[in-house]
N, C-alpha and C. Protein backbone atom coordinates (compact mmCIF):
# COMPACT_ATOMS: atom_id res chain seq x y z
N MET A 1 -5.84 -12.79 -16.14
CA MET A 1 -5.80 -11.37 -16.37
C MET A 1 -4.35 -10.95 -16.56
N ASP A 2 -4.03 -10.23 -17.59
CA ASP A 2 -2.69 -9.77 -17.88
C ASP A 2 -2.42 -8.48 -17.11
N ALA A 3 -1.53 -8.56 -16.12
CA ALA A 3 -1.27 -7.42 -15.25
C ALA A 3 -0.66 -6.25 -16.02
N ARG A 4 0.24 -6.54 -16.97
CA ARG A 4 0.89 -5.46 -17.69
C ARG A 4 -0.11 -4.66 -18.51
N LYS A 5 -1.12 -5.32 -19.03
CA LYS A 5 -2.11 -4.65 -19.85
C LYS A 5 -3.04 -3.78 -19.01
N ASN A 6 -3.19 -4.08 -17.74
CA ASN A 6 -4.15 -3.39 -16.89
C ASN A 6 -3.51 -2.50 -15.84
N SER A 7 -2.26 -2.12 -16.03
CA SER A 7 -1.57 -1.33 -15.04
C SER A 7 -0.70 -0.28 -15.71
N SER A 8 -0.55 0.87 -15.06
CA SER A 8 0.36 1.88 -15.57
C SER A 8 1.03 2.58 -14.39
N VAL A 9 2.23 3.09 -14.62
CA VAL A 9 2.97 3.80 -13.60
C VAL A 9 3.35 5.16 -14.17
N ALA A 10 3.18 6.21 -13.37
CA ALA A 10 3.52 7.55 -13.81
C ALA A 10 4.11 8.33 -12.65
N GLU A 11 4.83 9.39 -12.95
CA GLU A 11 5.36 10.28 -11.94
C GLU A 11 4.73 11.65 -12.14
N THR A 12 4.38 12.33 -11.06
CA THR A 12 3.81 13.67 -11.18
C THR A 12 4.73 14.66 -10.51
N ALA A 13 5.33 15.51 -11.32
CA ALA A 13 6.20 16.59 -10.84
C ALA A 13 7.27 16.10 -9.86
N ASP A 14 7.73 14.90 -10.04
CA ASP A 14 8.81 14.33 -9.21
C ASP A 14 8.48 14.24 -7.73
N ARG A 15 7.23 14.36 -7.36
CA ARG A 15 6.84 14.36 -5.95
C ARG A 15 6.15 13.10 -5.48
N GLU A 16 5.59 12.33 -6.40
CA GLU A 16 4.84 11.16 -5.94
C GLU A 16 4.88 10.04 -6.97
N ILE A 17 4.71 8.85 -6.46
CA ILE A 17 4.53 7.67 -7.30
C ILE A 17 3.04 7.58 -7.56
N VAL A 18 2.66 7.35 -8.81
CA VAL A 18 1.25 7.15 -9.16
C VAL A 18 1.14 5.84 -9.93
N ILE A 19 0.32 4.95 -9.42
CA ILE A 19 0.07 3.67 -10.09
C ILE A 19 -1.42 3.52 -10.27
N THR A 20 -1.83 3.23 -11.50
CA THR A 20 -3.24 2.97 -11.80
C THR A 20 -3.35 1.53 -12.26
N ARG A 21 -4.32 0.83 -11.71
CA ARG A 21 -4.48 -0.58 -12.03
C ARG A 21 -5.97 -0.90 -12.07
N THR A 22 -6.37 -1.70 -13.04
CA THR A 22 -7.76 -2.14 -13.13
C THR A 22 -7.85 -3.59 -12.67
N PHE A 23 -8.78 -3.84 -11.77
CA PHE A 23 -8.99 -5.19 -11.23
C PHE A 23 -10.32 -5.72 -11.73
N ASP A 24 -10.36 -7.00 -12.02
CA ASP A 24 -11.58 -7.66 -12.45
C ASP A 24 -12.33 -8.13 -11.21
N ALA A 25 -12.79 -7.15 -10.44
CA ALA A 25 -13.51 -7.43 -9.19
C ALA A 25 -14.36 -6.22 -8.85
N PRO A 26 -15.48 -6.43 -8.17
CA PRO A 26 -16.34 -5.30 -7.79
C PRO A 26 -15.62 -4.35 -6.83
N ARG A 27 -15.97 -3.09 -6.92
CA ARG A 27 -15.34 -2.06 -6.10
C ARG A 27 -15.44 -2.38 -4.60
N GLU A 28 -16.57 -2.87 -4.14
CA GLU A 28 -16.75 -3.17 -2.72
C GLU A 28 -15.76 -4.24 -2.26
N LEU A 29 -15.47 -5.22 -3.13
CA LEU A 29 -14.51 -6.27 -2.76
C LEU A 29 -13.09 -5.72 -2.72
N VAL A 30 -12.73 -4.86 -3.67
CA VAL A 30 -11.39 -4.26 -3.68
C VAL A 30 -11.23 -3.37 -2.44
N TRP A 31 -12.28 -2.62 -2.12
CA TRP A 31 -12.27 -1.79 -0.90
C TRP A 31 -12.03 -2.67 0.33
N GLN A 32 -12.77 -3.77 0.42
CA GLN A 32 -12.63 -4.66 1.57
C GLN A 32 -11.21 -5.22 1.65
N ALA A 33 -10.61 -5.52 0.50
CA ALA A 33 -9.25 -6.04 0.49
C ALA A 33 -8.25 -5.03 1.06
N TRP A 34 -8.56 -3.74 0.98
CA TRP A 34 -7.70 -2.68 1.50
C TRP A 34 -8.00 -2.30 2.94
N THR A 35 -9.13 -2.75 3.47
CA THR A 35 -9.55 -2.29 4.80
C THR A 35 -9.78 -3.40 5.82
N ASP A 36 -9.77 -4.64 5.41
CA ASP A 36 -9.99 -5.78 6.30
C ASP A 36 -8.65 -6.47 6.57
N PRO A 37 -8.23 -6.55 7.83
CA PRO A 37 -6.92 -7.16 8.13
C PRO A 37 -6.75 -8.57 7.56
N ALA A 38 -7.80 -9.37 7.58
CA ALA A 38 -7.68 -10.74 7.05
C ALA A 38 -7.32 -10.71 5.56
N HIS A 39 -7.93 -9.80 4.82
CA HIS A 39 -7.59 -9.65 3.39
C HIS A 39 -6.18 -9.10 3.23
N LEU A 40 -5.86 -8.05 3.97
CA LEU A 40 -4.55 -7.41 3.84
C LEU A 40 -3.41 -8.39 4.11
N MET A 41 -3.57 -9.27 5.06
CA MET A 41 -2.51 -10.21 5.40
C MET A 41 -2.21 -11.18 4.26
N ARG A 42 -3.12 -11.31 3.31
CA ARG A 42 -2.90 -12.22 2.17
C ARG A 42 -2.09 -11.57 1.06
N TRP A 43 -2.07 -10.22 0.98
CA TRP A 43 -1.39 -9.60 -0.15
C TRP A 43 -0.51 -8.40 0.19
N TRP A 44 -0.55 -7.87 1.41
CA TRP A 44 0.12 -6.62 1.75
C TRP A 44 1.62 -6.82 2.00
N ALA A 45 2.34 -7.18 0.99
CA ALA A 45 3.80 -7.29 1.05
C ALA A 45 4.28 -7.60 -0.36
N PRO A 46 5.49 -7.15 -0.69
CA PRO A 46 6.03 -7.48 -2.02
C PRO A 46 6.25 -8.98 -2.19
N LYS A 47 6.49 -9.37 -3.40
CA LYS A 47 6.74 -10.77 -3.76
C LYS A 47 7.82 -11.37 -2.86
N GLY A 48 7.54 -12.57 -2.34
CA GLY A 48 8.48 -13.27 -1.48
C GLY A 48 8.39 -12.91 -0.02
N CYS A 49 7.63 -11.87 0.31
CA CYS A 49 7.46 -11.43 1.70
C CYS A 49 6.08 -11.85 2.20
N THR A 50 5.90 -11.79 3.50
CA THR A 50 4.60 -12.11 4.10
C THR A 50 4.18 -10.99 5.04
N THR A 51 2.96 -11.06 5.48
CA THR A 51 2.41 -10.09 6.43
C THR A 51 1.85 -10.88 7.61
N PRO A 52 2.67 -11.16 8.63
CA PRO A 52 2.21 -11.96 9.76
C PRO A 52 1.33 -11.21 10.75
N PHE A 53 1.30 -9.87 10.66
CA PHE A 53 0.50 -9.08 11.59
C PHE A 53 -0.10 -7.90 10.87
N CYS A 54 -1.38 -7.64 11.14
CA CYS A 54 -2.05 -6.47 10.58
C CYS A 54 -3.25 -6.12 11.45
N LYS A 55 -3.31 -4.88 11.84
CA LYS A 55 -4.43 -4.39 12.63
C LYS A 55 -4.93 -3.10 11.98
N VAL A 56 -6.25 -2.98 11.85
CA VAL A 56 -6.86 -1.82 11.19
C VAL A 56 -7.93 -1.22 12.11
N ASP A 57 -7.79 0.06 12.37
CA ASP A 57 -8.81 0.84 13.09
C ASP A 57 -9.32 1.85 12.06
N LEU A 58 -10.31 1.41 11.28
CA LEU A 58 -10.77 2.16 10.11
C LEU A 58 -11.70 3.31 10.50
N ARG A 59 -11.06 4.42 10.87
CA ARG A 59 -11.78 5.66 11.18
C ARG A 59 -10.77 6.79 11.06
N PRO A 60 -11.21 8.00 10.76
CA PRO A 60 -10.26 9.11 10.73
C PRO A 60 -9.52 9.21 12.07
N GLY A 61 -8.21 9.24 12.00
CA GLY A 61 -7.38 9.23 13.21
C GLY A 61 -7.01 7.84 13.68
N GLY A 62 -7.67 6.81 13.12
CA GLY A 62 -7.36 5.43 13.48
C GLY A 62 -6.07 4.97 12.83
N LYS A 63 -5.45 3.95 13.44
CA LYS A 63 -4.18 3.44 12.94
C LYS A 63 -4.34 2.17 12.10
N PHE A 64 -3.44 2.05 11.16
CA PHE A 64 -3.23 0.85 10.36
C PHE A 64 -1.81 0.42 10.70
N HIS A 65 -1.66 -0.71 11.40
CA HIS A 65 -0.36 -1.17 11.89
C HIS A 65 -0.09 -2.56 11.33
N TYR A 66 1.09 -2.76 10.76
CA TYR A 66 1.38 -4.02 10.09
C TYR A 66 2.85 -4.39 10.20
N CYS A 67 3.11 -5.65 9.91
CA CYS A 67 4.48 -6.16 9.87
C CYS A 67 4.68 -6.87 8.52
N MET A 68 5.75 -6.49 7.82
CA MET A 68 6.15 -7.20 6.60
C MET A 68 7.37 -8.03 6.97
N ARG A 69 7.31 -9.32 6.68
CA ARG A 69 8.44 -10.22 6.96
C ARG A 69 9.16 -10.50 5.64
N LEU A 70 10.43 -10.16 5.62
CA LEU A 70 11.25 -10.37 4.43
C LEU A 70 11.60 -11.85 4.29
N PRO A 71 11.98 -12.29 3.09
CA PRO A 71 12.26 -13.72 2.88
C PRO A 71 13.28 -14.30 3.85
N GLU A 72 14.27 -13.49 4.28
CA GLU A 72 15.27 -14.00 5.22
C GLU A 72 14.80 -13.97 6.66
N GLY A 73 13.55 -13.53 6.89
CA GLY A 73 12.96 -13.56 8.23
C GLY A 73 12.99 -12.25 8.98
N ARG A 74 13.60 -11.22 8.43
CA ARG A 74 13.64 -9.91 9.08
C ARG A 74 12.27 -9.24 9.01
N ASP A 75 11.84 -8.66 10.12
CA ASP A 75 10.55 -7.97 10.17
C ASP A 75 10.74 -6.47 9.99
N ILE A 76 9.89 -5.87 9.17
CA ILE A 76 9.83 -4.42 9.03
C ILE A 76 8.41 -4.01 9.35
N TRP A 77 8.28 -3.19 10.38
CA TRP A 77 6.97 -2.74 10.85
C TRP A 77 6.64 -1.39 10.23
N GLY A 78 5.38 -1.19 9.95
CA GLY A 78 4.92 0.08 9.42
C GLY A 78 3.58 0.45 10.02
N MET A 79 3.22 1.70 9.82
CA MET A 79 1.92 2.13 10.30
C MET A 79 1.44 3.32 9.48
N GLY A 80 0.17 3.47 9.51
CA GLY A 80 -0.45 4.62 8.88
C GLY A 80 -1.51 5.15 9.82
N VAL A 81 -1.84 6.41 9.63
CA VAL A 81 -2.94 7.02 10.36
C VAL A 81 -3.92 7.51 9.31
N TYR A 82 -5.15 7.03 9.40
CA TYR A 82 -6.16 7.40 8.41
C TYR A 82 -6.55 8.87 8.56
N ARG A 83 -6.51 9.58 7.45
CA ARG A 83 -6.92 10.98 7.43
C ARG A 83 -8.30 11.15 6.82
N GLU A 84 -8.59 10.32 5.82
CA GLU A 84 -9.88 10.43 5.12
C GLU A 84 -10.34 9.04 4.71
N ILE A 85 -11.61 8.76 4.97
CA ILE A 85 -12.21 7.47 4.59
C ILE A 85 -13.56 7.77 3.98
N VAL A 86 -13.69 7.46 2.70
CA VAL A 86 -14.96 7.63 1.99
C VAL A 86 -15.26 6.27 1.34
N ALA A 87 -15.93 5.41 2.10
CA ALA A 87 -16.21 4.04 1.61
C ALA A 87 -17.25 4.08 0.48
N PRO A 88 -17.07 3.32 -0.57
CA PRO A 88 -15.92 2.51 -0.96
C PRO A 88 -15.07 3.20 -2.04
N SER A 89 -14.89 4.50 -1.94
CA SER A 89 -14.23 5.19 -3.06
C SER A 89 -12.89 5.84 -2.77
N ARG A 90 -12.54 6.10 -1.50
CA ARG A 90 -11.30 6.85 -1.25
C ARG A 90 -10.74 6.58 0.14
N LEU A 91 -9.43 6.33 0.19
CA LEU A 91 -8.68 6.19 1.44
C LEU A 91 -7.49 7.13 1.38
N VAL A 92 -7.27 7.88 2.44
CA VAL A 92 -6.08 8.73 2.55
C VAL A 92 -5.48 8.44 3.93
N TYR A 93 -4.18 8.12 3.94
CA TYR A 93 -3.51 7.84 5.20
C TYR A 93 -2.04 8.22 5.12
N THR A 94 -1.46 8.45 6.29
CA THR A 94 -0.02 8.67 6.36
C THR A 94 0.65 7.31 6.38
N ASP A 95 1.90 7.28 5.96
CA ASP A 95 2.68 6.05 5.94
C ASP A 95 4.01 6.33 6.60
N SER A 96 4.37 5.50 7.57
CA SER A 96 5.67 5.66 8.24
C SER A 96 6.15 4.31 8.74
N PHE A 97 7.41 4.25 9.06
CA PHE A 97 7.96 3.06 9.69
C PHE A 97 7.58 3.08 11.15
N ALA A 98 7.53 1.90 11.76
CA ALA A 98 7.09 1.79 13.15
C ALA A 98 7.84 0.65 13.83
N ASP A 99 7.61 0.53 15.13
CA ASP A 99 8.10 -0.63 15.85
C ASP A 99 6.91 -1.58 16.08
N ALA A 100 7.17 -2.68 16.74
CA ALA A 100 6.13 -3.69 16.95
C ALA A 100 4.97 -3.17 17.79
N GLN A 101 5.19 -2.12 18.57
CA GLN A 101 4.13 -1.56 19.40
C GLN A 101 3.33 -0.47 18.68
N GLY A 102 3.72 -0.14 17.45
CA GLY A 102 3.00 0.86 16.68
C GLY A 102 3.50 2.28 16.88
N ASN A 103 4.68 2.42 17.44
CA ASN A 103 5.28 3.74 17.61
C ASN A 103 6.12 4.08 16.38
N PRO A 104 6.04 5.30 15.89
CA PRO A 104 6.86 5.67 14.73
C PRO A 104 8.35 5.56 15.05
N VAL A 105 9.11 5.10 14.07
CA VAL A 105 10.57 5.07 14.16
C VAL A 105 11.12 5.72 12.90
N PRO A 106 12.31 6.28 12.97
CA PRO A 106 12.89 6.90 11.78
C PRO A 106 13.23 5.84 10.73
N PRO A 107 13.21 6.20 9.45
CA PRO A 107 13.57 5.24 8.40
C PRO A 107 14.93 4.57 8.65
N ALA A 108 15.87 5.31 9.24
CA ALA A 108 17.21 4.77 9.52
C ALA A 108 17.15 3.54 10.44
N HIS A 109 16.10 3.42 11.24
CA HIS A 109 15.92 2.25 12.12
C HIS A 109 15.99 0.94 11.33
N TYR A 110 15.54 0.99 10.07
CA TYR A 110 15.55 -0.19 9.19
C TYR A 110 16.61 -0.09 8.10
N GLY A 111 17.55 0.83 8.27
CA GLY A 111 18.63 0.97 7.30
C GLY A 111 18.24 1.74 6.05
N ILE A 112 17.16 2.49 6.13
CA ILE A 112 16.69 3.29 5.00
C ILE A 112 17.45 4.62 5.00
N SER A 113 17.69 5.17 3.82
CA SER A 113 18.49 6.38 3.69
C SER A 113 17.86 7.60 4.36
N ALA A 114 18.71 8.58 4.63
CA ALA A 114 18.27 9.84 5.24
C ALA A 114 17.38 10.63 4.30
N SER A 115 17.40 10.31 2.99
CA SER A 115 16.56 11.04 2.04
C SER A 115 15.09 10.62 2.12
N HIS A 116 14.82 9.50 2.77
CA HIS A 116 13.44 8.99 2.86
C HIS A 116 12.67 9.79 3.91
N PRO A 117 11.46 10.28 3.56
CA PRO A 117 10.69 11.04 4.55
C PRO A 117 10.26 10.16 5.73
N ALA A 118 10.21 10.75 6.90
CA ALA A 118 9.75 10.03 8.09
C ALA A 118 8.28 9.65 7.96
N GLU A 119 7.53 10.47 7.22
CA GLU A 119 6.11 10.22 7.00
C GLU A 119 5.76 10.68 5.59
N SER A 120 4.93 9.91 4.93
CA SER A 120 4.48 10.29 3.59
C SER A 120 2.98 10.04 3.49
N LEU A 121 2.37 10.65 2.50
CA LEU A 121 0.92 10.53 2.33
C LEU A 121 0.59 9.55 1.22
N VAL A 122 -0.37 8.67 1.48
CA VAL A 122 -0.86 7.71 0.49
C VAL A 122 -2.35 7.99 0.26
N THR A 123 -2.72 8.11 -1.00
CA THR A 123 -4.12 8.31 -1.37
C THR A 123 -4.49 7.20 -2.36
N VAL A 124 -5.57 6.50 -2.06
CA VAL A 124 -6.03 5.41 -2.92
C VAL A 124 -7.47 5.69 -3.29
N THR A 125 -7.76 5.69 -4.60
CA THR A 125 -9.15 5.86 -5.05
C THR A 125 -9.60 4.59 -5.74
N PHE A 126 -10.88 4.30 -5.62
CA PHE A 126 -11.52 3.11 -6.15
C PHE A 126 -12.70 3.55 -7.00
N GLU A 127 -12.63 3.31 -8.32
CA GLU A 127 -13.71 3.71 -9.22
C GLU A 127 -14.28 2.49 -9.93
N GLU A 128 -15.59 2.45 -10.06
CA GLU A 128 -16.20 1.40 -10.88
C GLU A 128 -15.77 1.64 -12.32
N HIS A 129 -15.37 0.56 -13.00
CA HIS A 129 -14.86 0.70 -14.37
C HIS A 129 -15.11 -0.58 -15.16
N GLU A 130 -15.99 -0.50 -16.12
CA GLU A 130 -16.28 -1.63 -17.03
C GLU A 130 -16.47 -2.95 -16.30
N GLY A 131 -17.28 -2.93 -15.26
CA GLY A 131 -17.59 -4.14 -14.51
C GLY A 131 -16.54 -4.52 -13.48
N GLY A 132 -15.48 -3.75 -13.40
CA GLY A 132 -14.43 -4.02 -12.43
C GLY A 132 -14.15 -2.77 -11.62
N THR A 133 -12.90 -2.65 -11.18
CA THR A 133 -12.51 -1.51 -10.35
C THR A 133 -11.20 -0.93 -10.85
N LYS A 134 -11.21 0.37 -11.06
CA LYS A 134 -9.99 1.10 -11.40
C LYS A 134 -9.47 1.69 -10.10
N LEU A 135 -8.27 1.28 -9.73
CA LEU A 135 -7.64 1.76 -8.51
C LEU A 135 -6.50 2.70 -8.91
N THR A 136 -6.44 3.85 -8.26
CA THR A 136 -5.32 4.77 -8.45
C THR A 136 -4.68 5.01 -7.11
N LEU A 137 -3.39 4.71 -7.04
CA LEU A 137 -2.61 4.88 -5.82
C LEU A 137 -1.62 6.02 -6.02
N ARG A 138 -1.58 6.92 -5.07
CA ARG A 138 -0.61 8.02 -5.07
C ARG A 138 0.16 7.97 -3.76
N HIS A 139 1.47 7.84 -3.87
CA HIS A 139 2.32 7.78 -2.69
C HIS A 139 3.35 8.89 -2.80
N ALA A 140 3.30 9.83 -1.87
CA ALA A 140 4.16 11.02 -1.92
C ALA A 140 5.59 10.68 -1.49
N ILE A 141 6.35 10.19 -2.46
CA ILE A 141 7.78 9.94 -2.26
C ILE A 141 8.52 10.68 -3.37
N PRO A 142 9.27 11.70 -3.02
CA PRO A 142 9.97 12.48 -4.04
C PRO A 142 11.01 11.66 -4.82
N VAL A 143 11.30 12.07 -6.02
CA VAL A 143 12.27 11.39 -6.87
C VAL A 143 13.66 11.40 -6.23
N SER A 144 13.93 12.34 -5.35
CA SER A 144 15.23 12.43 -4.68
C SER A 144 15.48 11.33 -3.66
N VAL A 145 14.44 10.59 -3.29
CA VAL A 145 14.58 9.51 -2.30
C VAL A 145 15.25 8.30 -2.95
N GLU A 146 16.35 7.86 -2.35
CA GLU A 146 17.12 6.74 -2.90
C GLU A 146 16.26 5.49 -3.11
N GLU A 147 15.35 5.22 -2.21
CA GLU A 147 14.54 3.99 -2.27
C GLU A 147 13.28 4.12 -3.11
N ARG A 148 13.11 5.21 -3.82
CA ARG A 148 11.88 5.43 -4.58
C ARG A 148 11.59 4.30 -5.58
N LYS A 149 12.57 3.91 -6.36
CA LYS A 149 12.35 2.83 -7.35
C LYS A 149 11.94 1.55 -6.65
N GLY A 150 12.55 1.27 -5.50
CA GLY A 150 12.18 0.08 -4.75
C GLY A 150 10.76 0.16 -4.22
N ALA A 151 10.34 1.36 -3.80
CA ALA A 151 8.96 1.55 -3.33
C ALA A 151 7.99 1.34 -4.49
N GLU A 152 8.32 1.87 -5.64
CA GLU A 152 7.46 1.69 -6.82
C GLU A 152 7.35 0.21 -7.18
N GLN A 153 8.48 -0.49 -7.17
CA GLN A 153 8.47 -1.93 -7.46
C GLN A 153 7.66 -2.68 -6.40
N GLY A 154 7.84 -2.30 -5.13
CA GLY A 154 7.08 -2.96 -4.06
C GLY A 154 5.59 -2.80 -4.23
N TRP A 155 5.14 -1.58 -4.53
CA TRP A 155 3.71 -1.35 -4.76
C TRP A 155 3.22 -2.18 -5.94
N SER A 156 3.98 -2.22 -7.03
CA SER A 156 3.56 -3.01 -8.21
C SER A 156 3.43 -4.48 -7.86
N GLU A 157 4.38 -5.00 -7.10
CA GLU A 157 4.31 -6.41 -6.70
C GLU A 157 3.14 -6.66 -5.75
N MET A 158 2.88 -5.73 -4.85
CA MET A 158 1.76 -5.89 -3.94
C MET A 158 0.43 -5.87 -4.69
N LEU A 159 0.31 -4.98 -5.66
CA LEU A 159 -0.94 -4.93 -6.43
C LEU A 159 -1.11 -6.17 -7.30
N GLU A 160 -0.03 -6.76 -7.73
CA GLU A 160 -0.11 -8.04 -8.45
C GLU A 160 -0.61 -9.13 -7.51
N ARG A 161 -0.10 -9.14 -6.29
CA ARG A 161 -0.58 -10.10 -5.30
C ARG A 161 -2.06 -9.87 -4.98
N LEU A 162 -2.47 -8.60 -4.93
CA LEU A 162 -3.88 -8.28 -4.70
C LEU A 162 -4.73 -8.83 -5.83
N ALA A 163 -4.29 -8.66 -7.07
CA ALA A 163 -5.04 -9.18 -8.22
C ALA A 163 -5.19 -10.69 -8.12
N GLU A 164 -4.12 -11.38 -7.73
CA GLU A 164 -4.19 -12.83 -7.58
C GLU A 164 -5.16 -13.22 -6.47
N ASP A 165 -5.14 -12.47 -5.37
CA ASP A 165 -6.05 -12.76 -4.26
C ASP A 165 -7.51 -12.52 -4.66
N LEU A 166 -7.76 -11.42 -5.37
CA LEU A 166 -9.12 -11.12 -5.81
C LEU A 166 -9.64 -12.16 -6.80
N ALA A 167 -8.76 -12.71 -7.61
CA ALA A 167 -9.17 -13.73 -8.59
C ALA A 167 -9.67 -15.00 -7.90
N LYS A 168 -9.23 -15.23 -6.67
CA LYS A 168 -9.65 -16.42 -5.91
C LYS A 168 -10.99 -16.22 -5.22
N ALA A 169 -11.43 -14.95 -5.13
CA ALA A 169 -12.66 -14.63 -4.38
C ALA A 169 -13.92 -15.07 -5.13
């Protein structure tokens, strides 16, 4: 599957990253890849990174807590709190940096700029599309955030890893 042909990136009013990608996999499987820790640990990190820890409490108010390990071995912890879950079509959660215990920490804890929000909103939709799944990801990171391009690249790399994982299923 050619990733470039099945993916697009757009910006909406300088407030959010929007990535749309079509996967050659059933919607239920793509949903499971986003909600099952065993699946997430296989793809939830940019190229060259790993996810040694992931815990999911899939309910409104439940936490999504994970660790991304960078190639040099540094761990960056993150967490989300689910706001909306409509299986298998929509996930909405907050995204923030965290410590190993799941407590929020400021972006500066990991050397991230002061322009980065302490918490941002992520919305993911899953639509059946021509025998596969059209996924649209919206991450509320304003264009003024220094790390925005890196976040966009990270999401693109993660979705590429997801496509590779789904192809093995």
